[in-house]
Amino acid sequence: MSWNLPWFLEYFVKDILWNDSIYKVKKMFSWYGIFKNKKIFALYINDELYFRENIFNKNEKQFSYKRLWKEIFLPYFLLDESIIEDFEELEKYINSSLDY
């Protein structure tokens, strides 16, 4: 994994996810994909962390971007910052995003 990452993403992977080898980060277009066991569960875009749709996050802000004259919505929702520091809760979100 390249450690030329934005500071928050590096913190998230190294400190929160304990730099575990089952997690990988890949640069995708102008954002980053976060994978567990080769399956994507989150996007890091514009200094914000979005998790794939799951049973916990459907009411959060959904990621979208504009393409030509259309707004495109992806099934990724902003992660509440309070979840990040509680690894047990974060693990529920990760697993739910992978299973959904």
PDB file of N, CA and C in Angstrom:
ATOM      1  N   MET A   1       0.847  -1.168   0.000  1.00  0.00           N
ATOM      2  CA  MET A   1       0.000   0.000   0.000  1.00  0.00           C
ATOM      3  C   MET A   1       0.891   1.228   0.000  1.00  0.00           C
ATOM      4  N   SER A   2       0.615   2.147  -0.868  1.00  0.00           N
ATOM      5  CA  SER A   2       1.373   3.389  -0.928  1.00  0.00           C
ATOM      6  C   SER A   2       0.958   4.301   0.214  1.00  0.00           C
ATOM      7  N   TRP A   3       1.926   4.874   0.900  1.00  0.00           N
ATOM      8  CA  TRP A   3       1.593   5.762   2.011  1.00  0.00           C
ATOM      9  C   TRP A   3       1.656   7.219   1.602  1.00  0.00           C
ATOM     10  N   ASN A   4       1.515   7.512   0.335  1.00  0.00           N
ATOM     11  CA  ASN A   4       1.391   8.882  -0.137  1.00  0.00           C
ATOM     12  C   ASN A   4      -0.101   9.209  -0.211  1.00  0.00           C
ATOM     13  N   LEU A   5      -0.769   9.125   0.918  1.00  0.00           N
ATOM     14  CA  LEU A   5      -2.214   9.286   1.014  1.00  0.00           C
ATOM     15  C   LEU A   5      -2.541  10.588   1.738  1.00  0.00           C
ATOM     16  N   PRO A   6      -3.754  11.114   1.546  1.00  0.00           N
ATOM     17  CA  PRO A   6      -4.186  12.248   2.365  1.00  0.00           C
ATOM     18  C   PRO A   6      -4.083  11.880   3.842  1.00  0.00           C
ATOM     19  N   TRP A   7      -3.791  12.856   4.680  1.00  0.00           N
ATOM     20  CA  TRP A   7      -3.493  12.583   6.092  1.00  0.00           C
ATOM     21  C   TRP A   7      -4.613  11.807   6.780  1.00  0.00           C
ATOM     22  N   PHE A   8      -5.873  12.167   6.566  1.00  0.00           N
ATOM     23  CA  PHE A   8      -6.945  11.470   7.268  1.00  0.00           C
ATOM     24  C   PHE A   8      -7.070  10.025   6.813  1.00  0.00           C
ATOM     25  N   LEU A   9      -6.911   9.793   5.537  1.00  0.00           N
ATOM     26  CA  LEU A   9      -7.004   8.423   5.023  1.00  0.00           C
ATOM     27  C   LEU A   9      -5.858   7.576   5.570  1.00  0.00           C
ATOM     28  N   GLU A  10      -4.676   8.153   5.643  1.00  0.00           N
ATOM     29  CA  GLU A  10      -3.540   7.433   6.222  1.00  0.00           C
ATOM     30  C   GLU A  10      -3.808   7.123   7.700  1.00  0.00           C
ATOM     31  N   TYR A  11      -4.332   8.087   8.430  1.00  0.00           N
ATOM     32  CA  TYR A  11      -4.692   7.880   9.838  1.00  0.00           C
ATOM     33  C   TYR A  11      -5.735   6.769   9.959  1.00  0.00           C
ATOM     34  N   PHE A  12      -6.753   6.809   9.123  1.00  0.00           N
ATOM     35  CA  PHE A  12      -7.827   5.813   9.171  1.00  0.00           C
ATOM     36  C   PHE A  12      -7.282   4.403   8.947  1.00  0.00           C
ATOM     37  N   VAL A  13      -6.436   4.241   7.946  1.00  0.00           N
ATOM     38  CA  VAL A  13      -5.921   2.917   7.611  1.00  0.00           C
ATOM     39  C   VAL A  13      -4.875   2.444   8.625  1.00  0.00           C
ATOM     40  N   LYS A  14      -3.945   3.314   8.972  1.00  0.00           N
ATOM     41  CA  LYS A  14      -2.856   2.893   9.858  1.00  0.00           C
ATOM     42  C   LYS A  14      -3.281   2.787  11.326  1.00  0.00           C
ATOM     43  N   ASP A  15      -4.028   3.763  11.806  1.00  0.00           N
ATOM     44  CA  ASP A  15      -4.339   3.805  13.232  1.00  0.00           C
ATOM     45  C   ASP A  15      -5.689   3.177  13.589  1.00  0.00           C
ATOM     46  N   ILE A  16      -6.697   3.424  12.791  1.00  0.00           N
ATOM     47  CA  ILE A  16      -8.021   2.899  13.104  1.00  0.00           C
ATOM     48  C   ILE A  16      -8.139   1.432  12.674  1.00  0.00           C
ATOM     49  N   LEU A  17      -7.696   1.142  11.462  1.00  0.00           N
ATOM     50  CA  LEU A  17      -7.771  -0.246  10.967  1.00  0.00           C
ATOM     51  C   LEU A  17      -6.504  -1.033  11.283  1.00  0.00           C
ATOM     52  N   TRP A  18      -5.625  -0.488  12.075  1.00  0.00           N
ATOM     53  CA  TRP A  18      -4.400  -1.125  12.570  1.00  0.00           C
ATOM     54  C   TRP A  18      -3.467  -1.600  11.470  1.00  0.00           C
ATOM     55  N   ASN A  19      -3.549  -0.952  10.309  1.00  0.00           N
ATOM     56  CA  ASN A  19      -2.650  -1.297   9.200  1.00  0.00           C
ATOM     57  C   ASN A  19      -2.725  -2.793   8.880  1.00  0.00           C
ATOM     58  N   ASP A  20      -3.884  -3.369   9.090  1.00  0.00           N
ATOM     59  CA  ASP A  20      -4.120  -4.789   8.843  1.00  0.00           C
ATOM     60  C   ASP A  20      -4.024  -5.070   7.347  1.00  0.00           C
ATOM     61  N   SER A  21      -3.366  -6.152   6.976  1.00  0.00           N
ATOM     62  CA  SER A  21      -3.134  -6.462   5.564  1.00  0.00           C
ATOM     63  C   SER A  21      -4.407  -6.838   4.804  1.00  0.00           C
ATOM     64  N   ILE A  22      -5.510  -7.100   5.509  1.00  0.00           N
ATOM     65  CA  ILE A  22      -6.756  -7.407   4.790  1.00  0.00           C
ATOM     66  C   ILE A  22      -7.376  -6.140   4.200  1.00  0.00           C
ATOM     67  N   TYR A  23      -6.902  -4.960   4.638  1.00  0.00           N
ATOM     68  CA  TYR A  23      -7.411  -3.691   4.120  1.00  0.00           C
ATOM     69  C   TYR A  23      -6.436  -3.125   3.101  1.00  0.00           C
ATOM     70  N   LYS A  24      -6.974  -2.635   1.995  1.00  0.00           N
ATOM     71  CA  LYS A  24      -6.166  -2.022   0.939  1.00  0.00           C
ATOM     72  C   LYS A  24      -6.828  -0.726   0.514  1.00  0.00           C
ATOM     73  N   VAL A  25      -6.019   0.198   0.039  1.00  0.00           N
ATOM     74  CA  VAL A  25      -6.508   1.459  -0.508  1.00  0.00           C
ATOM     75  C   VAL A  25      -6.016   1.552  -1.937  1.00  0.00           C
ATOM     76  N   LYS A  26      -6.928   1.913  -2.837  1.00  0.00           N
ATOM     77  CA  LYS A  26      -6.563   2.087  -4.243  1.00  0.00           C
ATOM     78  C   LYS A  26      -7.064   3.436  -4.717  1.00  0.00           C
ATOM     79  N   LYS A  27      -6.210   4.125  -5.457  1.00  0.00           N
ATOM     80  CA  LYS A  27      -6.605   5.390  -6.078  1.00  0.00           C
ATOM     81  C   LYS A  27      -7.530   5.068  -7.242  1.00  0.00           C
ATOM     82  N   MET A  28      -8.694   5.729  -7.245  1.00  0.00           N
ATOM     83  CA  MET A  28      -9.693   5.495  -8.288  1.00  0.00           C
ATOM     84  C   MET A  28     -10.159   6.864  -8.779  1.00  0.00           C
ATOM     85  N   PHE A  29      -9.793   7.216  -9.990  1.00  0.00           N
ATOM     86  CA  PHE A  29     -10.149   8.512 -10.539  1.00  0.00           C
ATOM     87  C   PHE A  29      -9.607   9.590  -9.607  1.00  0.00           C
ATOM     88  N   SER A  30     -10.454  10.459  -9.082  1.00  0.00           N
ATOM     89  CA  SER A  30      -9.962  11.501  -8.182  1.00  0.00           C
ATOM     90  C   SER A  30     -10.272  11.180  -6.724  1.00  0.00           C
ATOM     91  N   TRP A  31     -10.647   9.939  -6.432  1.00  0.00           N
ATOM     92  CA  TRP A  31     -10.902   9.540  -5.056  1.00  0.00           C
ATOM     93  C   TRP A  31     -10.204   8.212  -4.769  1.00  0.00           C
ATOM     94  N   TYR A  32     -10.388   7.728  -3.554  1.00  0.00           N
ATOM     95  CA  TYR A  32      -9.754   6.482  -3.124  1.00  0.00           C
ATOM     96  C   TYR A  32     -10.820   5.470  -2.735  1.00  0.00           C
ATOM     97  N   GLY A  33     -10.596   4.214  -3.103  1.00  0.00           N
ATOM     98  CA  GLY A  33     -11.451   3.124  -2.672  1.00  0.00           C
ATOM     99  C   GLY A  33     -10.780   2.391  -1.526  1.00  0.00           C
ATOM    100  N   ILE A  34     -11.547   1.985  -0.537  1.00  0.00           N
ATOM    101  CA  ILE A  34     -11.020   1.229   0.600  1.00  0.00           C
ATOM    102  C   ILE A  34     -11.647  -0.163   0.532  1.00  0.00           C
ATOM    103  N   PHE A  35     -10.792  -1.166   0.559  1.00  0.00           N
ATOM    104  CA  PHE A  35     -11.200  -2.555   0.347  1.00  0.00           C
ATOM    105  C   PHE A  35     -10.876  -3.408   1.564  1.00  0.00           C
ATOM    106  N   LYS A  36     -11.709  -4.410   1.796  1.00  0.00           N
ATOM    107  CA  LYS A  36     -11.414  -5.449   2.787  1.00  0.00           C
ATOM    108  C   LYS A  36     -11.501  -6.767   2.039  1.00  0.00           C
ATOM    109  N   ASN A  37     -10.432  -7.522   2.075  1.00  0.00           N
ATOM    110  CA  ASN A  37     -10.368  -8.800   1.347  1.00  0.00           C
ATOM    111  C   ASN A  37     -10.796  -8.631  -0.114  1.00  0.00           C
ATOM    112  N   LYS A  38     -10.292  -7.605  -0.757  1.00  0.00           N
ATOM    113  CA  LYS A  38     -10.493  -7.318  -2.186  1.00  0.00           C
ATOM    114  C   LYS A  38     -11.913  -6.897  -2.547  1.00  0.00           C
ATOM    115  N   LYS A  39     -12.736  -6.557  -1.551  1.00  0.00           N
ATOM    116  CA  LYS A  39     -14.100  -6.112  -1.810  1.00  0.00           C
ATOM    117  C   LYS A  39     -14.259  -4.694  -1.258  1.00  0.00           C
ATOM    118  N   ILE A  40     -14.730  -3.779  -2.116  1.00  0.00           N
ATOM    119  CA  ILE A  40     -14.817  -2.376  -1.720  1.00  0.00           C
ATOM    120  C   ILE A  40     -15.952  -2.153  -0.718  1.00  0.00           C
ATOM    121  N   PHE A  41     -15.667  -1.331   0.300  1.00  0.00           N
ATOM    122  CA  PHE A  41     -16.708  -0.988   1.269  1.00  0.00           C
ATOM    123  C   PHE A  41     -16.798   0.503   1.522  1.00  0.00           C
ATOM    124  N   ALA A  42     -15.801   1.276   1.063  1.00  0.00           N
ATOM    125  CA  ALA A  42     -15.829   2.715   1.341  1.00  0.00           C
ATOM    126  C   ALA A  42     -15.091   3.498   0.264  1.00  0.00           C
ATOM    127  N   LEU A  43     -15.448   4.782   0.191  1.00  0.00           N
ATOM    128  CA  LEU A  43     -14.770   5.734  -0.689  1.00  0.00           C
ATOM    129  C   LEU A  43     -14.315   6.912   0.150  1.00  0.00           C
ATOM    130  N   TYR A  44     -13.132   7.409  -0.161  1.00  0.00           N
ATOM    131  CA  TYR A  44     -12.639   8.632   0.469  1.00  0.00           C
ATOM    132  C   TYR A  44     -12.609   9.692  -0.622  1.00  0.00           C
ATOM    133  N   ILE A  45     -13.481  10.702  -0.477  1.00  0.00           N
ATOM    134  CA  ILE A  45     -13.676  11.702  -1.510  1.00  0.00           C
ATOM    135  C   ILE A  45     -13.712  13.087  -0.874  1.00  0.00           C
ATOM    136  N   ASN A  46     -12.886  13.991  -1.398  1.00  0.00           N
ATOM    137  CA  ASN A  46     -12.901  15.383  -0.919  1.00  0.00           C
ATOM    138  C   ASN A  46     -12.848  15.471   0.607  1.00  0.00           C
ATOM    139  N   ASP A  47     -11.935  14.735   1.209  1.00  0.00           N
ATOM    140  CA  ASP A  47     -11.731  14.739   2.661  1.00  0.00           C
ATOM    141  C   ASP A  47     -12.928  14.216   3.460  1.00  0.00           C
ATOM    142  N   GLU A  48     -13.757  13.403   2.825  1.00  0.00           N
ATOM    143  CA  GLU A  48     -14.882  12.801   3.526  1.00  0.00           C
ATOM    144  C   GLU A  48     -14.895  11.301   3.264  1.00  0.00           C
ATOM    145  N   LEU A  49     -15.354  10.558   4.263  1.00  0.00           N
ATOM    146  CA  LEU A  49     -15.391   9.105   4.177  1.00  0.00           C
ATOM    147  C   LEU A  49     -16.833   8.651   3.985  1.00  0.00           C
ATOM    148  N   TYR A  50     -17.062   7.938   2.891  1.00  0.00           N
ATOM    149  CA  TYR A  50     -18.387   7.418   2.552  1.00  0.00           C
ATOM    150  C   TYR A  50     -18.340   5.897   2.585  1.00  0.00           C
ATOM    151  N   PHE A  51     -19.304   5.294   3.273  1.00  0.00           N
ATOM    152  CA  PHE A  51     -19.409   3.839   3.306  1.00  0.00           C
ATOM    153  C   PHE A  51     -20.504   3.393   2.357  1.00  0.00           C
ATOM    154  N   ARG A  52     -20.276   2.226   1.771  1.00  0.00           N
ATOM    155  CA  ARG A  52     -21.282   1.642   0.885  1.00  0.00           C
ATOM    156  C   ARG A  52     -22.591   1.500   1.675  1.00  0.00           C
ATOM    157  N   GLU A  53     -23.683   1.615   0.978  1.00  0.00           N
ATOM    158  CA  GLU A  53     -24.992   1.524   1.617  1.00  0.00           C
ATOM    159  C   GLU A  53     -25.068   0.282   2.505  1.00  0.00           C
ATOM    160  N   ASN A  54     -25.601   0.481   3.702  1.00  0.00           N
ATOM    161  CA  ASN A  54     -25.787  -0.631   4.626  1.00  0.00           C
ATOM    162  C   ASN A  54     -27.002  -0.351   5.500  1.00  0.00           C
ATOM    163  N   ILE A  55     -27.307  -1.237   6.407  1.00  0.00           N
ATOM    164  CA  ILE A  55     -28.514  -1.077   7.223  1.00  0.00           C
ATOM    165  C   ILE A  55     -28.417   0.089   8.204  1.00  0.00           C
ATOM    166  N   PHE A  56     -27.213   0.619   8.446  1.00  0.00           N
ATOM    167  CA  PHE A  56     -27.028   1.675   9.428  1.00  0.00           C
ATOM    168  C   PHE A  56     -27.012   3.086   8.843  1.00  0.00           C
ATOM    169  N   ASN A  57     -26.697   3.237   7.565  1.00  0.00           N
ATOM    170  CA  ASN A  57     -26.385   4.576   7.068  1.00  0.00           C
ATOM    171  C   ASN A  57     -27.324   5.153   6.006  1.00  0.00           C
ATOM    172  N   LYS A  58     -28.478   4.602   5.824  1.00  0.00           N
ATOM    173  CA  LYS A  58     -29.366   5.057   4.744  1.00  0.00           C
ATOM    174  C   LYS A  58     -29.861   6.492   4.918  1.00  0.00           C
ATOM    175  N   ASN A  59     -29.822   7.030   6.113  1.00  0.00           N
ATOM    176  CA  ASN A  59     -30.318   8.388   6.346  1.00  0.00           C
ATOM    177  C   ASN A  59     -29.230   9.448   6.263  1.00  0.00           C
ATOM    178  N   GLU A  60     -28.024   9.061   5.961  1.00  0.00           N
ATOM    179  CA  GLU A  60     -26.919  10.006   5.873  1.00  0.00           C
ATOM    180  C   GLU A  60     -26.850  10.631   4.482  1.00  0.00           C
ATOM    181  N   LYS A  61     -25.946  11.596   4.340  1.00  0.00           N
ATOM    182  CA  LYS A  61     -25.759  12.282   3.052  1.00  0.00           C
ATOM    183  C   LYS A  61     -25.196  11.305   2.021  1.00  0.00           C
ATOM    184  N   GLN A  62     -25.864  11.193   0.879  1.00  0.00           N
ATOM    185  CA  GLN A  62     -25.430  10.282  -0.183  1.00  0.00           C
ATOM    186  C   GLN A  62     -24.433  10.987  -1.093  1.00  0.00           C
ATOM    187  N   PHE A  63     -23.409  10.231  -1.533  1.00  0.00           N
ATOM    188  CA  PHE A  63     -22.418  10.789  -2.444  1.00  0.00           C
ATOM    189  C   PHE A  63     -23.007  10.926  -3.845  1.00  0.00           C
ATOM    190  N   SER A  64     -22.749  12.071  -4.460  1.00  0.00           N
ATOM    191  CA  SER A  64     -23.173  12.294  -5.847  1.00  0.00           C
ATOM    192  C   SER A  64     -22.127  13.153  -6.546  1.00  0.00           C
ATOM    193  N   TYR A  65     -22.140  13.087  -7.852  1.00  0.00           N
ATOM    194  CA  TYR A  65     -21.284  13.953  -8.664  1.00  0.00           C
ATOM    195  C   TYR A  65     -22.044  14.313  -9.935  1.00  0.00           C
ATOM    196  N   LYS A  66     -21.600  15.381 -10.573  1.00  0.00           N
ATOM    197  CA  LYS A  66     -22.270  15.826 -11.795  1.00  0.00           C
ATOM    198  C   LYS A  66     -21.499  15.353 -13.006  1.00  0.00           C
ATOM    199  N   ARG A  67     -22.249  14.852 -13.957  1.00  0.00           N
ATOM    200  CA  ARG A  67     -21.677  14.427 -15.226  1.00  0.00           C
ATOM    201  C   ARG A  67     -22.546  15.039 -16.313  1.00  0.00           C
ATOM    202  N   LEU A  68     -21.937  15.881 -17.088  1.00  0.00           N
ATOM    203  CA  LEU A  68     -22.668  16.672 -18.071  1.00  0.00           C
ATOM    204  C   LEU A  68     -23.764  17.435 -17.336  1.00  0.00           C
ATOM    205  N   TRP A  69     -25.016  17.177 -17.628  1.00  0.00           N
ATOM    206  CA  TRP A  69     -26.104  17.908 -16.985  1.00  0.00           C
ATOM    207  C   TRP A  69     -26.849  17.073 -15.965  1.00  0.00           C
ATOM    208  N   LYS A  70     -26.326  15.905 -15.655  1.00  0.00           N
ATOM    209  CA  LYS A  70     -27.013  15.010 -14.730  1.00  0.00           C
ATOM    210  C   LYS A  70     -26.255  14.894 -13.421  1.00  0.00           C
ATOM    211  N   GLU A  71     -26.994  14.704 -12.362  1.00  0.00           N
ATOM    212  CA  GLU A  71     -26.368  14.380 -11.081  1.00  0.00           C
ATOM    213  C   GLU A  71     -26.449  12.865 -10.914  1.00  0.00           C
ATOM    214  N   ILE A  72     -25.285  12.259 -10.690  1.00  0.00           N
ATOM    215  CA  ILE A  72     -25.178  10.814 -10.543  1.00  0.00           C
ATOM    216  C   ILE A  72     -25.022  10.497  -9.053  1.00  0.00           C
ATOM    217  N   PHE A  73     -25.863   9.598  -8.553  1.00  0.00           N
ATOM    218  CA  PHE A  73     -25.798   9.187  -7.152  1.00  0.00           C
ATOM    219  C   PHE A  73     -25.207   7.784  -7.073  1.00  0.00           C
ATOM    220  N   LEU A  74     -24.215   7.633  -6.211  1.00  0.00           N
ATOM    221  CA  LEU A  74     -23.636   6.317  -5.954  1.00  0.00           C
ATOM    222  C   LEU A  74     -24.149   5.815  -4.601  1.00  0.00           C
ATOM    223  N   PRO A  75     -24.197   4.513  -4.388  1.00  0.00           N
ATOM    224  CA  PRO A  75     -24.744   3.971  -3.139  1.00  0.00           C
ATOM    225  C   PRO A  75     -23.748   4.044  -1.982  1.00  0.00           C
ATOM    226  N   TYR A  76     -23.201   5.231  -1.769  1.00  0.00           N
ATOM    227  CA  TYR A  76     -22.256   5.478  -0.679  1.00  0.00           C
ATOM    228  C   TYR A  76     -22.768   6.653   0.133  1.00  0.00           C
ATOM    229  N   PHE A  77     -22.707   6.495   1.476  1.00  0.00           N
ATOM    230  CA  PHE A  77     -23.257   7.490   2.372  1.00  0.00           C
ATOM    231  C   PHE A  77     -22.196   7.942   3.369  1.00  0.00           C
ATOM    232  N   LEU A  78     -22.233   9.219   3.702  1.00  0.00           N
ATOM    233  CA  LEU A  78     -21.257   9.826   4.592  1.00  0.00           C
ATOM    234  C   LEU A  78     -21.235   9.106   5.933  1.00  0.00           C
ATOM    235  N   LEU A  79     -20.038   8.807   6.416  1.00  0.00           N
ATOM    236  CA  LEU A  79     -19.883   8.137   7.700  1.00  0.00           C
ATOM    237  C   LEU A  79     -19.836   9.177   8.810  1.00  0.00           C
ATOM    238  N   ASP A  80     -20.644   9.000   9.812  1.00  0.00           N
ATOM    239  CA  ASP A  80     -20.636   9.883  10.975  1.00  0.00           C
ATOM    240  C   ASP A  80     -19.291   9.735  11.685  1.00  0.00           C
ATOM    241  N   GLU A  81     -18.667  10.857  12.007  1.00  0.00           N
ATOM    242  CA  GLU A  81     -17.329  10.830  12.614  1.00  0.00           C
ATOM    243  C   GLU A  81     -17.284  10.095  13.947  1.00  0.00           C
ATOM    244  N   SER A  82     -18.392  10.059  14.663  1.00  0.00           N
ATOM    245  CA  SER A  82     -18.395   9.380  15.970  1.00  0.00           C
ATOM    246  C   SER A  82     -18.173   7.876  15.827  1.00  0.00           C
ATOM    247  N   ILE A  83     -18.477   7.318  14.671  1.00  0.00           N
ATOM    248  CA  ILE A  83     -18.307   5.877  14.434  1.00  0.00           C
ATOM    249  C   ILE A  83     -16.831   5.507  14.338  1.00  0.00           C
ATOM    250  N   ILE A  84     -16.015   6.407  13.845  1.00  0.00           N
ATOM    251  CA  ILE A  84     -14.608   6.111  13.556  1.00  0.00           C
ATOM    252  C   ILE A  84     -13.827   5.699  14.798  1.00  0.00           C
ATOM    253  N   GLU A  85     -14.087   6.326  15.915  1.00  0.00           N
ATOM    254  CA  GLU A  85     -13.312   6.054  17.129  1.00  0.00           C
ATOM    255  C   GLU A  85     -13.785   4.821  17.899  1.00  0.00           C
ATOM    256  N   ASP A  86     -14.910   4.265  17.531  1.00  0.00           N
ATOM    257  CA  ASP A  86     -15.446   3.080  18.204  1.00  0.00           C
ATOM    258  C   ASP A  86     -15.264   1.897  17.253  1.00  0.00           C
ATOM    259  N   PHE A  87     -14.169   1.157  17.413  1.00  0.00           N
ATOM    260  CA  PHE A  87     -13.838   0.118  16.436  1.00  0.00           C
ATOM    261  C   PHE A  87     -14.912  -0.960  16.351  1.00  0.00           C
ATOM    262  N   GLU A  88     -15.534  -1.296  17.464  1.00  0.00           N
ATOM    263  CA  GLU A  88     -16.580  -2.317  17.444  1.00  0.00           C
ATOM    264  C   GLU A  88     -17.752  -1.868  16.561  1.00  0.00           C
ATOM    265  N   GLU A  89     -18.147  -0.620  16.714  1.00  0.00           N
ATOM    266  CA  GLU A  89     -19.234  -0.067  15.893  1.00  0.00           C
ATOM    267  C   GLU A  89     -18.785   0.067  14.431  1.00  0.00           C
ATOM    268  N   LEU A  90     -17.568   0.516  14.226  1.00  0.00           N
ATOM    269  CA  LEU A  90     -17.023   0.660  12.873  1.00  0.00           C
ATOM    270  C   LEU A  90     -16.998  -0.686  12.151  1.00  0.00           C
ATOM    271  N   GLU A  91     -16.627  -1.724  12.868  1.00  0.00           N
ATOM    272  CA  GLU A  91     -16.583  -3.056  12.280  1.00  0.00           C
ATOM    273  C   GLU A  91     -17.981  -3.513  11.834  1.00  0.00           C
ATOM    274  N   LYS A  92     -19.006  -3.141  12.591  1.00  0.00           N
ATOM    275  CA  LYS A  92     -20.378  -3.443  12.181  1.00  0.00           C
ATOM    276  C   LYS A  92     -20.703  -2.759  10.855  1.00  0.00           C
ATOM    277  N   TYR A  93     -20.302  -1.497  10.739  1.00  0.00           N
ATOM    278  CA  TYR A  93     -20.545  -0.751   9.498  1.00  0.00           C
ATOM    279  C   TYR A  93     -19.802  -1.376   8.327  1.00  0.00           C
ATOM    280  N   ILE A  94     -18.550  -1.743   8.535  1.00  0.00           N
ATOM    281  CA  ILE A  94     -17.756  -2.343   7.471  1.00  0.00           C
ATOM    282  C   ILE A  94     -18.406  -3.647   7.011  1.00  0.00           C
ATOM    283  N   ASN A  95     -18.700  -4.516   7.934  1.00  0.00           N
ATOM    284  CA  ASN A  95     -19.292  -5.812   7.581  1.00  0.00           C
ATOM    285  C   ASN A  95     -20.661  -5.663   6.943  1.00  0.00           C
ATOM    286  N   SER A  96     -21.441  -4.726   7.425  1.00  0.00           N
ATOM    287  CA  SER A  96     -22.755  -4.489   6.838  1.00  0.00           C
ATOM    288  C   SER A  96     -22.628  -3.947   5.415  1.00  0.00           C
ATOM    289  N   SER A  97     -21.641  -3.089   5.186  1.00  0.00           N
ATOM    290  CA  SER A  97     -21.403  -2.557   3.836  1.00  0.00           C
ATOM    291  C   SER A  97     -20.958  -3.651   2.888  1.00  0.00           C
ATOM    292  N   LEU A  98     -20.218  -4.602   3.380  1.00  0.00           N
ATOM    293  CA  LEU A  98     -19.749  -5.713   2.535  1.00  0.00           C
ATOM    294  C   LEU A  98     -20.872  -6.700   2.239  1.00  0.00           C
ATOM    295  N   ASP A  99     -21.820  -6.835   3.144  1.00  0.00           N
ATOM    296  CA  ASP A  99     -22.894  -7.808   2.973  1.00  0.00           C
ATOM    297  C   ASP A  99     -24.106  -7.263   2.231  1.00  0.00           C
ATOM    298  N   TYR A 100     -24.238  -5.951   2.160  1.00  0.00           N
ATOM    299  CA  TYR A 100     -25.474  -5.362   1.631  1.00  0.00           C
ATOM    300  C   TYR A 100     -25.615  -5.535   0.146  1.00  0.00           C
TER     301      TYR A 100
END
